[in-house]
Amino acid sequence: MPEAHARDHGATHVVTNQPPPLEPYDACSSDRVLAAHLARHDVATHATALGAYGRAVGDELGAAGVLANRYPPVFHSHDRFGHRIDQVEFHPAYHALMRAAIECGWHSLPWTAPGRDSHVARAAFEYLHHQADSGTGCPLTMTFAAVPALRHAPALAEAWLPRITARVYDGTDRPWYEKQGVTIGMAMTEKQGGTDVRANTTRAEPVYVPGADEAWALTGHKWFCSAPMCDAFLTLAQTAGGLTCFLLPRWRPDGARNGFHVQRLKDKLGNHSNASSEVEYRDAFAWRVGAEGRGVATILEMVALTRFDCMVGSAALMRQGLAQAVHHCAHRQVMGRVLAEQPLMQNVLADLALEAEGALALALRVARGLDGAAAGDARASAFVRIATAIGKYWICKRAPAHVNEAAECLGGAGYVEQSVLPRLYREAPVNSTWEGSGNVQCLDVLRAMTREPAALAALQAELDGARGSDPHYDAFVERLTATITDGRGVEQCARALVEELALALVAAELIAAGDGLVAGAWCRGRLGPARGLAYGTLPAGIDLPALVARARPQLD
């Protein structure tokens, strides 16, 4: 057939030595690493739903991700008659992605069906979804993470939480009280402060609105407001009592449009399916959430969960890039030999596989901690407090270089826009910047270590629990413990310290998971004296083909 096709069209050659497309495929059942770690955390009750979602991610949701990024959102400030409307128009694929995620419950599972595995299962849904598209993950994670903050305002929680947690997606622009399901955004950042939200200048004044308790009018400008078509936004503003948290809806209680005006959409490096914007508040109606002057403490409960989701999202990008690289190299020949069977390429692929599995393992370990914390386990809560910052720093930092290496495995085919790799590469940096950049995370780790003894104790217990299984691990943790105890020059060297904490935490989880191949390779390649800097520098003696085979997508 190929030869006949060439003759019929006057072609000069027949295309050979190219891999078959990795589509459609089951992103869940084809991932043996994901299956192994989900089995460890025992999420069998969610297996059917996860399997269905994995099939959709490798088929129609993956195709929707392509379209939602190829045709990014468009802002319309006014309608054709000159009325201010502040609407963002999305491609239908965006709505399909949002609908699928909300209907499966990954925005609400721990709140609607709390249990020993609900955070882990939700993380797995998110992990799969991000392999189709990451931009929609922004409004989804904010909707999920808004719940703890809104519980500080019982009246608001009673009215809003049933709609926030409903498995109903409604992308129409109309008052929230007319909808069965709503989404929540967040707007904290201002030009002059960035991370330093205490420098915010947006002002809030109490006002009287019939039927609305704790009503305020906000005036100011927000430099970044993600997902401006959400139904309401958690935001910060200065009051007489200090920086305070508010819930600001797109529509006022009387059915009029709120004083929430989109100035422009951000022209971003990546995350193209998601609309990020600058907005102005002009006497915008809002409800107070939490105590006056306690805005940072109130909204940080939301930020802690969105930081966790940054970990999961970055781990998912690594997995998608790795799957593309391993699949390509398993079918491509160079010098008459399959690429995946050549020793140097095996080292690269195995190293990428090891990093991706470590990221997933740590993310799911923190998810298990969230389940424990929800059940009242104080030690689990303390562990999550410090491990989230460690994981957010390390996993999100590793993702861009990981995707770059995966793309290089495909050569020129990985550099063209028809491949998914360029989109993954543009996407990868966002998670290390959003919700606190690298330095913020490292300083947060130091803060937890010095001011919260329970967090440090939980971390040390986690590391000590894996001792005695690997000599490289034992020696590494011994040195690390001495560094923590010494404490000299800690802030200046905070990145080095948090990097080592991350490496040790991943090792501890892989050791606990019980796969000697993976744990041994991590300890030798990441903790031992032969540790390299670039991917593809694993030391001799590691079973590279086995690591590659473990990571290869298993197709029917």
Protein backbone atom coordinates (compact mmCIF):
# COMPACT_ATOMS: atom_id res chain seq x y z
CA MET A 1 0.00 0.00 0.00
CA PRO A 2 2.67 2.65 0.80
CA GLU A 3 4.40 2.01 -2.53
CA ALA A 4 1.12 2.37 -4.43
CA HIS A 5 0.36 5.58 -2.57
CA ALA A 6 3.74 6.98 -3.61
CA ARG A 7 3.14 6.13 -7.27
CA ASP A 8 -0.37 7.59 -7.31
CA HIS A 9 0.74 10.95 -5.94
CA GLY A 10 4.09 11.29 -7.63
CA ALA A 11 5.91 11.12 -4.29
CA THR A 12 9.69 10.78 -4.22
CA HIS A 13 9.83 8.30 -1.36
CA VAL A 14 7.90 6.11 1.04
CA VAL A 15 7.78 7.20 4.70
CA THR A 16 9.40 4.57 6.91
CA ASN A 17 11.01 4.30 10.34
CA GLN A 18 8.39 6.47 12.03
CA PRO A 19 6.48 5.40 15.16
CA PRO A 20 2.73 4.91 15.08
CA PRO A 21 0.78 7.71 16.80
CA LEU A 22 0.30 7.30 20.53
CA GLU A 23 -3.41 7.89 20.10
CA PRO A 24 -5.90 6.83 21.07
CA TYR A 25 -4.63 5.06 24.16
CA ASP A 26 -5.65 4.50 27.77
CA ALA A 27 -3.66 6.96 29.88
CA CYS A 28 -4.61 5.09 33.04
CA SER A 29 -4.38 1.35 32.37
CA SER A 30 -1.36 1.79 30.07
CA ASP A 31 0.60 3.45 32.90
CA ARG A 32 2.08 0.66 35.03
CA VAL A 33 3.77 3.14 37.34
CA LEU A 34 0.51 4.89 38.15
CA ALA A 35 -1.18 1.53 38.68
CA ALA A 36 1.51 0.41 41.10
CA HIS A 37 1.30 3.51 43.25
CA LEU A 38 -2.49 3.61 43.25
CA ALA A 39 -2.47 -0.02 44.39
CA ARG A 40 -0.17 0.96 47.22
CA HIS A 41 -2.65 3.60 48.35
CA ASP A 42 -5.62 1.28 47.71
CA VAL A 43 -8.05 3.37 45.67
CA ALA A 44 -9.86 0.33 44.27
CA THR A 45 -13.26 1.92 44.83
CA HIS A 46 -12.38 4.54 42.22
CA ALA A 47 -10.78 2.14 39.71
CA THR A 48 -13.70 2.05 37.26
CA ALA A 49 -14.06 5.83 37.14
CA LEU A 50 -10.31 6.36 36.80
CA GLY A 51 -10.16 3.82 34.00
CA ALA A 52 -12.92 5.59 32.09
CA TYR A 53 -11.21 8.94 32.58
CA GLY A 54 -7.90 7.53 31.41
CA ARG A 55 -9.48 6.31 28.20
CA ALA A 56 -11.02 9.73 27.60
CA VAL A 57 -7.69 11.49 28.25
CA GLY A 58 -6.01 9.34 25.63
CA ASP A 59 -8.78 10.00 23.13
CA GLU A 60 -11.44 12.74 23.06
CA LEU A 61 -10.11 14.80 25.96
CA GLY A 62 -6.62 14.72 24.50
CA ALA A 63 -8.05 16.01 21.22
CA ALA A 64 -9.97 18.70 23.13
CA GLY A 65 -6.74 19.78 24.80
CA VAL A 66 -5.16 20.37 21.41
CA LEU A 67 -8.08 22.52 20.24
CA ALA A 68 -8.44 24.48 23.49
CA ASN A 69 -4.79 25.55 23.21
CA ARG A 70 -4.81 26.11 19.45
CA TYR A 71 -7.80 28.46 19.79
CA PRO A 72 -7.18 30.38 23.03
CA PRO A 73 -9.79 32.49 24.83
CA VAL A 74 -10.86 35.83 23.38
CA PHE A 75 -11.91 38.84 25.48
CA HIS A 76 -14.94 40.97 24.63
CA SER A 77 -15.19 44.14 26.73
CA HIS A 78 -18.47 45.40 25.16
CA ASP A 79 -21.31 43.98 23.12
CA ARG A 80 -22.22 45.35 19.67
CA PHE A 81 -24.49 47.95 21.23
CA GLY A 82 -21.79 49.38 23.47
CA HIS A 83 -22.81 47.75 26.75
CA ARG A 84 -19.95 46.67 29.02
CA ILE A 85 -20.07 42.87 29.27
CA ASP A 86 -16.54 41.75 30.32
CA GLN A 87 -16.89 38.33 28.72
CA VAL A 88 -14.25 35.83 27.74
CA GLU A 89 -15.16 33.50 24.90
CA PHE A 90 -13.74 29.99 24.96
CA HIS A 91 -13.52 27.31 22.30
CA PRO A 92 -16.09 24.53 22.83
CA ALA A 93 -13.20 22.17 23.60
CA TYR A 94 -12.46 24.17 26.75
CA HIS A 95 -15.99 23.63 27.99
CA ALA A 96 -15.77 19.92 27.15
CA LEU A 97 -12.64 19.62 29.31
CA MET A 98 -14.22 21.53 32.19
CA ARG A 99 -17.40 19.49 32.00
CA ALA A 100 -15.56 16.17 32.03
CA ALA A 101 -13.44 17.12 35.04
CA ILE A 102 -16.34 18.48 37.08
CA GLU A 103 -18.64 15.58 36.28
CA CYS A 104 -16.02 13.10 37.49
CA GLY A 105 -15.65 15.10 40.70
CA TRP A 106 -11.97 15.92 40.80
CA HIS A 107 -12.86 19.45 41.88
CA SER A 108 -14.84 18.22 44.90
CA LEU A 109 -14.27 14.56 45.75
CA PRO A 110 -12.64 15.07 49.20
CA TRP A 111 -15.46 17.41 50.22
CA THR A 112 -18.41 15.35 48.95
CA ALA A 113 -17.07 11.86 49.68
CA PRO A 114 -14.40 12.21 52.36
CA GLY A 115 -12.55 9.04 53.20
CA ARG A 116 -9.17 7.43 53.58
CA ASP A 117 -8.50 7.62 49.84
CA SER A 118 -10.45 10.62 48.53
CA HIS A 119 -7.49 13.02 48.18
CA VAL A 120 -5.40 10.30 46.54
CA ALA A 121 -8.18 9.46 44.08
CA ARG A 122 -8.73 13.13 43.31
CA ALA A 123 -5.00 13.56 42.67
CA ALA A 124 -5.14 10.63 40.25
CA PHE A 125 -8.01 12.23 38.30
CA GLU A 126 -6.05 15.47 38.21
CA TYR A 127 -2.88 13.66 37.12
CA LEU A 128 -4.75 12.16 34.18
CA HIS A 129 -6.54 15.40 33.26
CA HIS A 130 -3.33 17.44 33.08
CA GLN A 131 -2.02 15.02 30.46
CA ALA A 132 -4.83 16.25 28.21
CA ASP A 133 -4.76 19.93 29.22
CA SER A 134 -3.34 22.00 32.06
CA GLY A 135 -5.05 25.33 31.45
CA THR A 136 -8.43 24.10 32.64
CA GLY A 137 -6.69 22.87 35.76
CA CYS A 138 -6.47 26.47 36.98
CA PRO A 139 -10.19 27.14 37.59
CA LEU A 140 -10.68 23.55 38.68
CA THR A 141 -8.02 23.67 41.38
CA MET A 142 -9.18 27.07 42.63
CA THR A 143 -12.75 25.83 42.85
CA PHE A 144 -11.57 22.83 44.86
CA ALA A 145 -9.27 24.82 47.12
CA ALA A 146 -11.79 27.58 47.89
CA VAL A 147 -13.81 25.33 50.17
CA PRO A 148 -11.69 25.57 53.37
CA ALA A 149 -11.47 29.36 53.06
CA LEU A 150 -15.23 29.78 52.60
CA ARG A 151 -15.90 27.74 55.71
CA HIS A 152 -14.70 30.82 57.63
CA ALA A 153 -17.99 32.46 56.57
CA PRO A 154 -20.76 30.00 57.53
CA ALA A 155 -23.58 31.91 55.83
CA LEU A 156 -21.65 32.10 52.57
CA ALA A 157 -20.64 28.47 52.86
CA GLU A 158 -24.25 27.40 53.24
CA ALA A 159 -25.25 29.25 50.06
CA TRP A 160 -22.18 28.59 47.92
CA LEU A 161 -20.68 25.21 48.84
CA PRO A 162 -23.49 23.05 47.42
CA ARG A 163 -22.96 24.75 44.06
CA ILE A 164 -19.16 24.68 44.28
CA THR A 165 -19.06 20.95 44.99
CA ALA A 166 -21.86 19.96 42.58
CA ARG A 167 -20.86 17.75 39.67
CA VAL A 168 -22.52 20.18 37.29
CA TYR A 169 -20.67 22.45 34.89
CA ASP A 170 -22.40 25.63 33.79
CA GLY A 171 -20.20 27.91 31.69
CA THR A 172 -22.89 30.53 31.07
CA ASP A 173 -22.47 34.13 32.22
CA ARG A 174 -25.36 34.67 34.60
CA PRO A 175 -25.85 35.19 38.34
CA TRP A 176 -24.49 32.44 40.52
CA TYR A 177 -27.80 31.87 42.29
CA GLU A 178 -29.38 30.83 38.99
CA LYS A 179 -26.85 28.00 38.56
CA GLN A 180 -26.61 24.49 39.95
CA GLY A 181 -22.83 24.46 39.62
CA VAL A 182 -20.31 27.30 39.90
CA THR A 183 -16.55 27.81 39.70
CA ILE A 184 -14.32 29.97 41.88
CA GLY A 185 -11.28 32.04 40.90
CA MET A 186 -8.67 33.93 42.86
CA ALA A 187 -7.24 37.44 42.56
CA MET A 188 -4.50 38.41 45.01
CA THR A 189 -1.50 39.72 43.07
CA GLU A 190 -0.97 43.44 42.52
CA LYS A 191 1.76 45.20 40.53
CA GLN A 192 3.61 46.76 43.42
CA GLY A 193 3.69 43.68 45.64
CA GLY A 194 3.59 40.40 43.78
CA THR A 195 4.23 37.76 46.41
CA ASP A 196 4.18 40.43 49.11
CA VAL A 197 0.41 40.70 49.30
CA ARG A 198 0.64 42.86 52.41
CA ALA A 199 1.70 45.65 50.02
CA ASN A 200 -1.70 45.47 48.29
CA THR A 201 -3.48 48.79 47.90
CA THR A 202 -6.98 47.65 46.92
CA ARG A 203 -9.38 49.17 49.45
CA ALA A 204 -12.58 47.81 50.93
CA GLU A 205 -15.30 49.87 52.61
CA PRO A 206 -18.35 48.46 54.40
CA VAL A 207 -21.63 49.21 52.65
CA TYR A 208 -25.28 48.49 53.26
CA VAL A 209 -26.88 46.13 50.76
CA PRO A 210 -30.41 44.88 51.56
CA GLY A 211 -30.35 41.18 52.35
CA ALA A 212 -26.55 40.90 52.32
CA ASP A 213 -24.59 40.55 55.56
CA GLU A 214 -20.96 41.69 55.71
CA ALA A 215 -21.27 43.58 52.41
CA TRP A 216 -18.30 45.64 51.25
CA ALA A 217 -17.33 47.74 48.23
CA LEU A 218 -13.86 47.08 46.77
CA THR A 219 -11.85 49.48 44.62
CA GLY A 220 -8.46 48.62 43.15
CA HIS A 221 -6.48 46.75 40.52
CA LYS A 222 -5.32 43.13 40.38
CA TRP A 223 -2.29 42.35 38.23
CA PHE A 224 -3.19 38.67 37.86
CA CYS A 225 -6.67 37.23 38.04
CA SER A 226 -6.85 33.69 36.74
CA ALA A 227 -9.99 32.43 35.02
CA PRO A 228 -11.99 35.70 35.00
CA MET A 229 -15.18 33.97 33.90
CA CYS A 230 -15.50 32.18 37.22
CA ASP A 231 -18.65 32.95 39.17
CA ALA A 232 -16.80 34.51 42.11
CA PHE A 233 -13.28 35.23 43.31
CA LEU A 234 -11.48 35.02 46.59
CA THR A 235 -9.52 38.24 46.83
CA LEU A 236 -7.67 40.47 49.28
CA ALA A 237 -8.22 44.13 50.15
CA GLN A 238 -7.18 46.57 52.85
CA THR A 239 -9.71 47.58 55.50
CA ALA A 240 -9.39 49.67 58.63
CA GLY A 241 -8.49 46.43 60.40
CA GLY A 242 -5.85 45.35 57.90
CA LEU A 243 -5.63 43.00 54.93
CA THR A 244 -8.86 41.03 54.69
CA CYS A 245 -10.24 38.22 52.53
CA PHE A 246 -13.40 38.68 50.47
CA LEU A 247 -15.60 36.71 48.08
CA LEU A 248 -16.38 38.89 45.06
CA PRO A 249 -19.07 37.61 42.64
CA ARG A 250 -19.32 38.52 38.95
CA TRP A 251 -22.96 39.48 39.51
CA ARG A 252 -24.38 41.48 42.39
CA PRO A 253 -27.17 40.02 44.55
CA ASP A 254 -29.74 42.24 42.79
CA GLY A 255 -28.89 40.73 39.38
CA ALA A 256 -26.80 43.64 38.09
CA ARG A 257 -23.26 43.18 36.79
CA ASN A 258 -20.70 43.76 39.48
CA GLY A 259 -17.98 46.41 39.28
CA PHE A 260 -15.52 43.76 38.09
CA HIS A 261 -13.86 44.89 34.86
CA VAL A 262 -11.37 42.89 32.83
CA GLN A 263 -8.65 45.18 31.47
CA ARG A 264 -6.93 42.66 29.24
CA LEU A 265 -5.97 39.00 28.95
CA LYS A 266 -2.34 38.18 29.64
CA ASP A 267 -0.24 37.15 26.65
CA LYS A 268 1.53 34.24 28.34
CA LEU A 269 4.35 31.84 27.57
CA GLY A 270 2.01 28.88 27.94
CA ASN A 271 -1.20 27.85 29.69
CA HIS A 272 -2.97 29.11 26.58
CA SER A 273 -6.33 27.45 27.12
CA ASN A 274 -6.71 29.34 30.39
CA ALA A 275 -7.63 33.02 30.46
CA SER A 276 -5.41 34.96 32.86
CA SER A 277 -6.24 38.63 33.16
CA GLU A 278 -5.78 42.01 34.75
CA VAL A 279 -8.91 43.31 36.41
CA GLU A 280 -10.16 46.45 38.12
CA TYR A 281 -12.66 46.67 40.94
CA ARG A 282 -14.86 49.76 40.85
CA ASP A 283 -17.02 49.75 43.96
CA ALA A 284 -17.32 46.02 43.42
CA PHE A 285 -19.67 44.24 45.78
CA ALA A 286 -18.10 41.55 47.95
CA TRP A 287 -18.69 39.60 51.15
CA ARG A 288 -16.09 39.42 53.89
CA VAL A 289 -14.61 35.97 54.49
CA GLY A 290 -12.99 35.39 57.85
CA ALA A 291 -11.98 37.95 60.43
CA GLU A 292 -11.04 41.47 59.43
CA GLY A 293 -7.27 41.82 59.20
CA ARG A 294 -6.80 38.03 58.87
CA GLY A 295 -6.88 37.89 55.08
CA VAL A 296 -3.55 36.17 54.57
CA ALA A 297 -4.27 33.45 57.11
CA THR A 298 -7.71 32.89 55.61
CA ILE A 299 -6.65 32.59 52.00
CA LEU A 300 -3.50 30.57 52.75
CA GLU A 301 -5.70 27.56 53.39
CA MET A 302 -6.66 27.84 49.74
CA VAL A 303 -3.07 28.45 48.64
CA ALA A 304 -1.82 25.34 50.46
CA LEU A 305 -4.09 23.15 48.34
CA THR A 306 -3.34 24.90 45.07
CA ARG A 307 0.38 24.46 45.79
CA PHE A 308 -0.25 20.76 46.16
CA ASP A 309 -2.00 20.78 42.80
CA CYS A 310 1.07 22.40 41.25
CA MET A 311 2.98 19.28 42.26
CA VAL A 312 0.44 16.98 40.66
CA GLY A 313 0.25 19.06 37.49
CA SER A 314 4.02 19.07 37.02
CA ALA A 315 4.20 15.32 37.64
CA ALA A 316 1.54 14.86 34.95
CA LEU A 317 3.51 16.92 32.42
CA MET A 318 6.54 14.73 33.12
CA ARG A 319 4.48 11.60 32.54
CA GLN A 320 3.04 12.81 29.24
CA GLY A 321 6.46 13.85 27.95
CA LEU A 322 7.99 10.57 29.10
CA ALA A 323 5.23 8.51 27.47
CA GLN A 324 5.84 10.27 24.14
CA ALA A 325 9.61 9.80 24.39
CA VAL A 326 9.55 6.12 25.34
CA HIS A 327 6.92 5.31 22.72
CA HIS A 328 8.91 7.07 20.00
CA CYS A 329 12.20 5.43 20.92
CA ALA A 330 10.60 1.99 21.09
CA HIS A 331 9.73 2.23 17.37
CA ARG A 332 12.50 4.40 15.92
CA GLN A 333 15.69 2.83 14.56
CA VAL A 334 19.09 4.49 14.25
CA MET A 335 22.02 2.73 12.60
CA GLY A 336 19.86 -0.36 12.27
CA ARG A 337 19.08 -0.61 15.99
CA VAL A 338 15.97 0.37 17.94
CA LEU A 339 16.70 3.57 19.86
CA ALA A 340 15.26 2.31 23.12
CA GLU A 341 17.68 -0.62 23.06
CA GLN A 342 20.81 1.50 22.69
CA PRO A 343 22.67 1.94 26.01
CA LEU A 344 23.04 5.73 26.04
CA MET A 345 19.42 6.32 25.07
CA GLN A 346 18.39 3.75 27.65
CA ASN A 347 20.18 5.83 30.26
CA VAL A 348 18.31 8.97 29.20
CA LEU A 349 14.92 7.25 29.12
CA ALA A 350 15.52 5.42 32.40
CA ASP A 351 16.60 8.64 34.10
CA LEU A 352 13.49 10.44 32.83
CA ALA A 353 11.35 7.51 33.99
CA LEU A 354 12.95 7.56 37.43
CA GLU A 355 12.33 11.30 37.83
CA ALA A 356 8.71 11.03 36.69
CA GLU A 357 7.99 8.16 39.06
CA GLY A 358 9.62 10.00 41.94
CA ALA A 359 7.43 13.04 41.28
CA LEU A 360 4.27 10.94 41.19
CA ALA A 361 5.26 9.00 44.31
CA LEU A 362 5.86 12.15 46.35
CA ALA A 363 2.66 13.82 45.13
CA LEU A 364 0.55 10.80 46.08
CA ARG A 365 2.31 10.52 49.44
CA VAL A 366 1.29 14.10 50.22
CA ALA A 367 -2.24 13.28 49.01
CA ARG A 368 -2.33 10.40 51.48
CA GLY A 369 -1.22 12.86 54.14
CA LEU A 370 -4.13 15.14 53.21
CA ASP A 371 -6.50 12.23 53.73
CA GLY A 372 -4.94 11.58 57.12
CA ALA A 373 -5.13 15.25 58.08
CA ALA A 374 -8.81 15.34 57.09
CA ALA A 375 -9.40 12.42 59.45
CA GLY A 376 -7.83 14.36 62.32
CA ASP A 377 -4.30 12.90 62.27
CA ALA A 378 -2.11 15.68 63.66
CA ARG A 379 1.12 14.10 62.47
CA ALA A 380 -0.25 13.77 58.93
CA SER A 381 -1.26 17.42 59.01
CA ALA A 382 2.22 18.45 60.15
CA PHE A 383 3.80 16.34 57.42
CA VAL A 384 1.61 17.88 54.73
CA ARG A 385 2.50 21.35 55.98
CA ILE A 386 6.20 20.95 55.19
CA ALA A 387 6.13 18.30 52.46
CA THR A 388 3.86 20.41 50.24
CA ALA A 389 6.39 23.24 50.14
CA ILE A 390 9.27 20.82 49.55
CA GLY A 391 7.45 19.01 46.77
CA LYS A 392 6.12 22.17 45.17
CA TYR A 393 9.66 23.53 44.94
CA TRP A 394 11.36 20.40 43.65
CA ILE A 395 8.85 18.78 41.31
CA CYS A 396 7.91 22.05 39.64
CA LYS A 397 11.58 22.97 39.19
CA ARG A 398 12.38 19.63 37.58
CA ALA A 399 9.52 19.63 35.07
CA PRO A 400 10.85 22.11 32.42
CA ALA A 401 14.20 20.34 31.99
CA HIS A 402 12.43 16.98 32.03
CA VAL A 403 10.07 17.95 29.20
CA ASN A 404 12.99 19.45 27.27
CA GLU A 405 14.90 16.17 27.47
CA ALA A 406 11.82 14.18 26.47
CA ALA A 407 11.38 16.40 23.40
CA GLU A 408 15.03 15.90 22.48
CA CYS A 409 14.44 12.15 22.41
CA LEU A 410 12.12 12.74 19.44
CA GLY A 411 14.60 14.94 17.62
CA GLY A 412 13.01 17.37 15.19
CA ALA A 413 9.66 15.57 15.46
CA GLY A 414 9.47 16.71 19.07
CA TYR A 415 10.16 20.35 18.19
CA VAL A 416 7.30 20.94 15.76
CA GLU A 417 3.93 22.20 16.92
CA GLN A 418 2.10 19.11 15.64
CA SER A 419 3.77 17.30 18.52
CA VAL A 420 2.44 17.73 22.05
CA LEU A 421 5.96 18.37 23.38
CA PRO A 422 6.18 22.11 22.56
CA ARG A 423 2.92 22.70 24.43
CA LEU A 424 4.18 20.73 27.41
CA TYR A 425 7.42 22.70 27.36
CA ARG A 426 5.60 26.04 27.40
CA GLU A 427 3.33 24.74 30.12
CA ALA A 428 6.04 23.40 32.41
CA PRO A 429 7.33 26.68 33.97
CA VAL A 430 3.95 27.93 35.20
CA ASN A 431 3.73 25.70 38.25
CA SER A 432 7.08 26.82 39.63
CA THR A 433 5.96 30.47 39.40
CA TRP A 434 2.28 30.28 40.32
CA GLU A 435 1.33 30.18 43.99
CA GLY A 436 4.77 31.22 45.18
CA SER A 437 8.01 30.87 43.24
CA GLY A 438 11.01 28.78 44.26
CA ASN A 439 12.43 31.13 46.86
CA VAL A 440 9.02 31.51 48.49
CA GLN A 441 8.73 27.74 48.87
CA CYS A 442 12.22 27.39 50.30
CA LEU A 443 11.65 30.15 52.83
CA ASP A 444 8.36 28.51 53.74
CA VAL A 445 10.21 25.26 54.44
CA LEU A 446 12.62 27.13 56.71
CA ARG A 447 9.69 28.80 58.45
CA ALA A 448 8.06 25.44 59.12
CA MET A 449 11.31 23.94 60.37
CA THR A 450 12.07 26.77 62.80
CA ARG A 451 8.60 27.78 63.98
CA GLU A 452 6.59 24.56 63.81
CA PRO A 453 8.35 21.76 65.71
CA ALA A 454 5.63 19.28 64.78
CA ALA A 455 6.35 19.77 61.05
CA LEU A 456 10.06 19.12 61.47
CA ALA A 457 9.36 16.12 63.69
CA ALA A 458 6.97 14.65 61.10
CA LEU A 459 9.52 15.15 58.37
CA GLN A 460 12.29 13.52 60.41
CA ALA A 461 10.03 10.59 61.27
CA GLU A 462 9.28 10.06 57.59
CA LEU A 463 12.97 9.97 56.75
CA ASP A 464 13.91 7.79 59.72
CA GLY A 465 11.24 5.26 58.80
CA ALA A 466 13.13 4.28 55.64
CA ARG A 467 16.52 3.82 57.26
CA GLY A 468 18.23 0.45 57.04
CA SER A 469 17.15 -0.42 53.50
CA ASP A 470 19.85 1.22 51.38
CA PRO A 471 23.38 2.32 52.33
CA HIS A 472 23.30 5.34 50.01
CA TYR A 473 20.07 6.46 51.62
CA ASP A 474 21.34 5.98 55.15
CA ALA A 475 24.52 7.96 54.50
CA PHE A 476 22.61 10.73 52.73
CA VAL A 477 20.05 11.12 55.50
CA GLU A 478 22.79 11.10 58.12
CA ARG A 479 24.50 14.04 56.42
CA LEU A 480 21.19 15.80 55.85
CA THR A 481 20.21 15.48 59.51
CA ALA A 482 23.55 16.96 60.55
CA THR A 483 22.95 19.93 58.21
CA ILE A 484 19.50 20.55 59.69
CA THR A 485 20.89 20.38 63.21
CA ASP A 486 23.79 22.71 62.42
CA GLY A 487 21.56 25.42 60.92
CA ARG A 488 24.36 27.82 59.93
CA GLY A 489 23.83 29.92 56.80
CA VAL A 490 20.48 28.22 56.31
CA GLU A 491 18.66 30.97 54.39
CA GLN A 492 21.51 31.55 51.96
CA CYS A 493 21.68 27.82 51.24
CA ALA A 494 17.94 27.16 51.47
CA ARG A 495 17.60 25.89 47.91
CA ALA A 496 20.34 23.31 48.42
CA LEU A 497 18.73 22.19 51.67
CA VAL A 498 15.23 21.86 50.19
CA GLU A 499 16.63 20.00 47.18
CA GLU A 500 18.23 17.45 49.48
CA LEU A 501 15.05 17.18 51.54
CA ALA A 502 13.09 16.48 48.36
CA LEU A 503 15.53 13.84 47.16
CA ALA A 504 15.41 12.14 50.55
CA LEU A 505 11.61 12.30 50.78
CA VAL A 506 11.20 10.71 47.36
CA ALA A 507 13.70 8.02 48.30
CA ALA A 508 11.83 7.30 51.53
CA GLU A 509 8.54 6.90 49.66
CA LEU A 510 10.05 4.69 46.95
CA ILE A 511 11.65 2.52 49.61
CA ALA A 512 8.32 2.26 51.40
CA ALA A 513 6.60 1.38 48.12
CA GLY A 514 8.71 -1.76 48.03
CA ASP A 515 9.99 -1.90 44.44
CA GLY A 516 13.70 -2.58 44.84
CA LEU A 517 14.51 -1.74 41.23
CA VAL A 518 13.12 1.80 41.44
CA ALA A 519 14.18 2.57 45.00
CA GLY A 520 17.69 1.26 44.42
CA ALA A 521 18.08 3.22 41.20
CA TRP A 522 16.91 6.43 42.91
CA CYS A 523 19.26 6.00 45.84
CA ARG A 524 22.26 5.22 43.63
CA GLY A 525 21.48 7.79 40.96
CA ARG A 526 20.24 10.66 43.15
CA LEU A 527 21.83 10.16 46.56
CA GLY A 528 25.07 8.32 45.85
CA PRO A 529 28.48 9.79 44.97
CA ALA A 530 27.96 9.17 41.23
CA ARG A 531 25.02 11.59 41.01
CA GLY A 532 24.97 13.44 37.67
CA LEU A 533 23.58 16.83 36.74
CA ALA A 534 21.94 16.23 33.36
CA TYR A 535 19.38 13.53 32.61
CA GLY A 536 20.99 10.39 31.23
CA THR A 537 23.81 10.24 33.81
CA LEU A 538 22.70 7.27 35.89
CA PRO A 539 25.71 5.27 37.13
CA ALA A 540 26.59 1.80 35.85
CA GLY A 541 24.96 -1.19 37.44
CA ILE A 542 21.33 -0.02 37.26
CA ASP A 543 18.89 -2.13 35.25
CA LEU A 544 18.11 0.51 32.64
CA PRO A 545 16.01 -1.68 30.30
CA ALA A 546 13.73 -2.65 33.19
CA LEU A 547 13.14 0.98 34.15
CA VAL A 548 12.35 1.87 30.52
CA ALA A 549 9.99 -1.09 30.14
CA ARG A 550 8.20 -0.09 33.35
CA ALA A 551 7.57 3.40 31.95
CA ARG A 552 6.51 2.41 28.44
CA PRO A 553 2.79 2.93 27.70
CA GLN A 554 1.19 -0.49 27.34
CA LEU A 555 -1.03 -0.44 24.26
CA ASP A 556 -3.59 -3.06 23.21
